[in-house]
Amino acid sequence: MAETRSTKSGFSAEERAAMKAAAAERKASQKQQDLDEALAEVIAKLPDDERAMAEAIDAIVREHAPGLTSKTYYGMPGWALDGKVCLFMSPASKFKVRYSTIGFEQVANLDDGDMWPTSFAIRRIGRAESETITALVKKAVS
C-alpha cells in the first residue's frame, strides 16, 4: 500500500484534491447533460479495472434505477436522488488504497433494523457482484 503524506492541515494531497473537485462540482452547471458528461469524463479517466467497475455500476443504475441521475462526488463517480448523492464509487487509485468501495449516502433507503452496511469493498464486478449491487441499488431507491 502506498504511503500518503499529510500536510499541516492534516489532509493528504489526495484528500485536498478531492475537496477541490467537490468545490468545482458545486460551481459546475447543473444541466443533466453536463452532469452526464462530467460523470463520463470521471469514469473515462479511471484505470482499466476501475473503469470497468464504474461502467458496470453505471449500467446497473441506468437499467434498474432510472430515477438516479449522474453526479460526480469529490471527483468520483456518483449517482443522485433528487439532487443528493445516493450512491458513489470510491476508486482505490484515487486515494492509493487496497480496494475500491461502493458507498451509499443518507438518501439511500437501505435501512434494515438498527444497523446496516452502507459501504462495500470491491475489486471486480462479476455476475454475483452485479446481482448484489443491483439488489442494493433497487432497495436504495425503493
Protein backbone atom coordinates (compact mmCIF):
# COMPACT_ATOMS: atom_id res chain seq x y z
CA MET A 1 0.00 0.00 0.00
CA ALA A 2 1.39 3.39 -0.98
CA GLU A 3 2.22 5.84 1.79
CA THR A 4 0.15 9.02 1.77
CA ARG A 5 1.66 12.06 3.45
CA SER A 6 -0.45 14.66 5.15
CA THR A 7 0.29 18.34 5.43
CA LYS A 8 -0.07 20.84 8.28
CA SER A 9 -3.82 20.77 7.66
CA GLY A 10 -3.88 17.05 8.39
CA PHE A 11 -5.22 16.25 4.92
CA SER A 12 -3.30 14.20 2.38
CA ALA A 13 -2.70 15.50 -1.13
CA GLU A 14 -5.37 13.10 -2.38
CA GLU A 15 -7.88 14.37 0.19
CA ARG A 16 -7.12 18.01 -0.71
CA ALA A 17 -7.59 17.16 -4.41
CA ALA A 18 -10.96 15.55 -3.62
CA MET A 19 -12.06 18.68 -1.74
CA LYS A 20 -11.03 20.86 -4.70
CA ALA A 21 -13.00 18.56 -7.02
CA ALA A 22 -16.06 18.92 -4.78
CA ALA A 23 -15.80 22.72 -4.91
CA ALA A 24 -15.58 22.61 -8.72
CA GLU A 25 -18.60 20.27 -8.84
CA ARG A 26 -20.68 22.77 -6.88
CA LYS A 27 -19.74 25.53 -9.34
CA ALA A 28 -20.43 23.41 -12.44
CA SER A 29 -23.59 23.62 -14.46
CA GLN A 30 -26.44 21.54 -13.09
CA LYS A 31 -27.93 20.70 -16.50
CA GLN A 32 -28.38 16.93 -16.71
CA GLN A 33 -26.43 16.74 -19.98
CA ASP A 34 -23.48 18.44 -18.30
CA LEU A 35 -23.73 16.12 -15.30
CA ASP A 36 -23.84 13.07 -17.61
CA GLU A 37 -20.75 14.35 -19.44
CA ALA A 38 -18.91 15.04 -16.17
CA LEU A 39 -19.64 11.50 -14.95
CA ALA A 40 -18.48 10.03 -18.26
CA GLU A 41 -15.24 12.04 -18.03
CA VAL A 42 -14.55 10.89 -14.47
CA ILE A 43 -15.16 7.26 -15.45
CA ALA A 44 -13.03 7.55 -18.61
CA LYS A 45 -10.03 8.76 -16.57
CA LEU A 46 -10.02 5.69 -14.30
CA PRO A 47 -7.53 2.84 -14.73
CA ASP A 48 -8.94 -0.02 -16.83
CA ASP A 49 -10.06 -2.25 -13.95
CA GLU A 50 -11.76 0.58 -12.06
CA ARG A 51 -13.28 1.98 -15.24
CA ALA A 52 -14.87 -1.43 -15.91
CA MET A 53 -16.37 -1.44 -12.40
CA ALA A 54 -17.68 2.13 -12.72
CA GLU A 55 -19.18 1.35 -16.12
CA ALA A 56 -20.86 -1.75 -14.68
CA ILE A 57 -22.33 0.26 -11.81
CA ASP A 58 -23.50 2.96 -14.23
CA ALA A 59 -25.21 0.33 -16.40
CA ILE A 60 -26.95 -1.16 -13.34
CA VAL A 61 -28.14 2.28 -12.23
CA ARG A 62 -29.42 3.21 -15.69
CA GLU A 63 -31.32 -0.08 -16.06
CA HIS A 64 -32.67 -0.60 -12.55
CA ALA A 65 -32.83 2.90 -11.03
CA PRO A 66 -33.53 5.36 -13.85
CA GLY A 67 -34.63 7.91 -11.23
CA LEU A 68 -30.99 8.30 -10.17
CA THR A 69 -29.10 10.96 -12.08
CA SER A 70 -25.43 11.28 -12.94
CA LYS A 71 -23.33 13.12 -10.42
CA THR A 72 -19.69 13.39 -9.53
CA TYR A 73 -18.84 13.23 -5.86
CA TYR A 74 -15.48 14.63 -4.75
CA GLY A 75 -14.24 13.74 -8.23
CA MET A 76 -15.59 10.19 -8.03
CA PRO A 77 -18.42 8.54 -9.99
CA GLY A 78 -21.75 9.12 -8.29
CA TRP A 79 -25.47 8.94 -8.81
CA ALA A 80 -28.02 11.20 -7.15
CA LEU A 81 -31.60 11.05 -5.98
CA ASP A 82 -33.37 14.41 -6.10
CA GLY A 83 -30.00 16.15 -6.44
CA LYS A 84 -28.42 14.46 -3.41
CA VAL A 85 -25.77 11.78 -3.84
CA CYS A 86 -27.27 8.37 -3.18
CA LEU A 87 -24.54 6.06 -4.46
CA PHE A 88 -20.88 6.53 -5.33
CA MET A 89 -17.79 4.56 -6.21
CA SER A 90 -14.54 5.43 -4.49
CA PRO A 91 -11.74 4.15 -6.75
CA ALA A 92 -8.73 2.63 -4.99
CA SER A 93 -6.41 4.61 -7.26
CA LYS A 94 -7.84 7.96 -6.10
CA PHE A 95 -6.67 7.51 -2.52
CA LYS A 96 -3.96 4.92 -3.19
CA VAL A 97 -5.66 2.25 -1.11
CA ARG A 98 -6.01 -1.51 -1.43
CA TYR A 99 -9.56 -1.73 -2.80
CA SER A 100 -12.32 0.38 -4.29
CA THR A 101 -15.62 0.85 -2.50
CA ILE A 102 -19.24 1.36 -3.37
CA GLY A 103 -20.87 3.65 -0.85
CA PHE A 104 -24.41 4.75 -0.16
CA GLU A 105 -25.31 8.08 1.41
CA GLN A 106 -28.18 9.10 3.72
CA VAL A 107 -30.82 9.34 0.96
CA ALA A 108 -30.37 5.63 0.16
CA ASN A 109 -33.19 3.57 1.61
CA LEU A 110 -31.01 0.71 2.89
CA ASP A 111 -32.32 0.82 6.46
CA ASP A 112 -32.54 -2.66 7.97
CA GLY A 113 -33.31 -2.62 11.67
CA ASP A 114 -30.94 -0.67 13.87
CA MET A 115 -27.72 -1.38 11.92
CA TRP A 116 -26.87 -1.92 8.25
CA PRO A 117 -23.88 -1.60 5.91
CA THR A 118 -23.54 1.46 3.67
CA SER A 119 -20.15 0.75 2.12
CA PHE A 120 -18.84 -2.31 0.28
CA ALA A 121 -15.31 -3.17 -0.81
CA ILE A 122 -14.93 -4.28 -4.45
CA ARG A 123 -12.07 -5.44 -6.63
CA ARG A 124 -14.07 -6.50 -9.67
CA ILE A 125 -17.69 -6.89 -10.67
CA GLY A 126 -18.66 -10.31 -11.90
CA ARG A 127 -22.09 -11.89 -12.07
CA ALA A 128 -22.53 -12.38 -8.30
CA GLU A 129 -21.33 -8.85 -7.51
CA SER A 130 -23.58 -7.43 -10.22
CA GLU A 131 -26.59 -9.18 -8.69
CA THR A 132 -25.73 -7.86 -5.22
CA ILE A 133 -25.21 -4.31 -6.49
CA THR A 134 -28.47 -4.47 -8.46
CA ALA A 135 -30.39 -5.54 -5.33
CA LEU A 136 -28.76 -2.77 -3.27
CA VAL A 137 -29.48 -0.10 -5.89
CA LYS A 138 -33.11 -1.21 -6.19
CA LYS A 139 -33.52 -1.13 -2.40
CA ALA A 140 -31.77 2.25 -2.16
CA VAL A 141 -34.38 3.89 -4.37
CA SER A 142 -37.43 1.99 -3.15
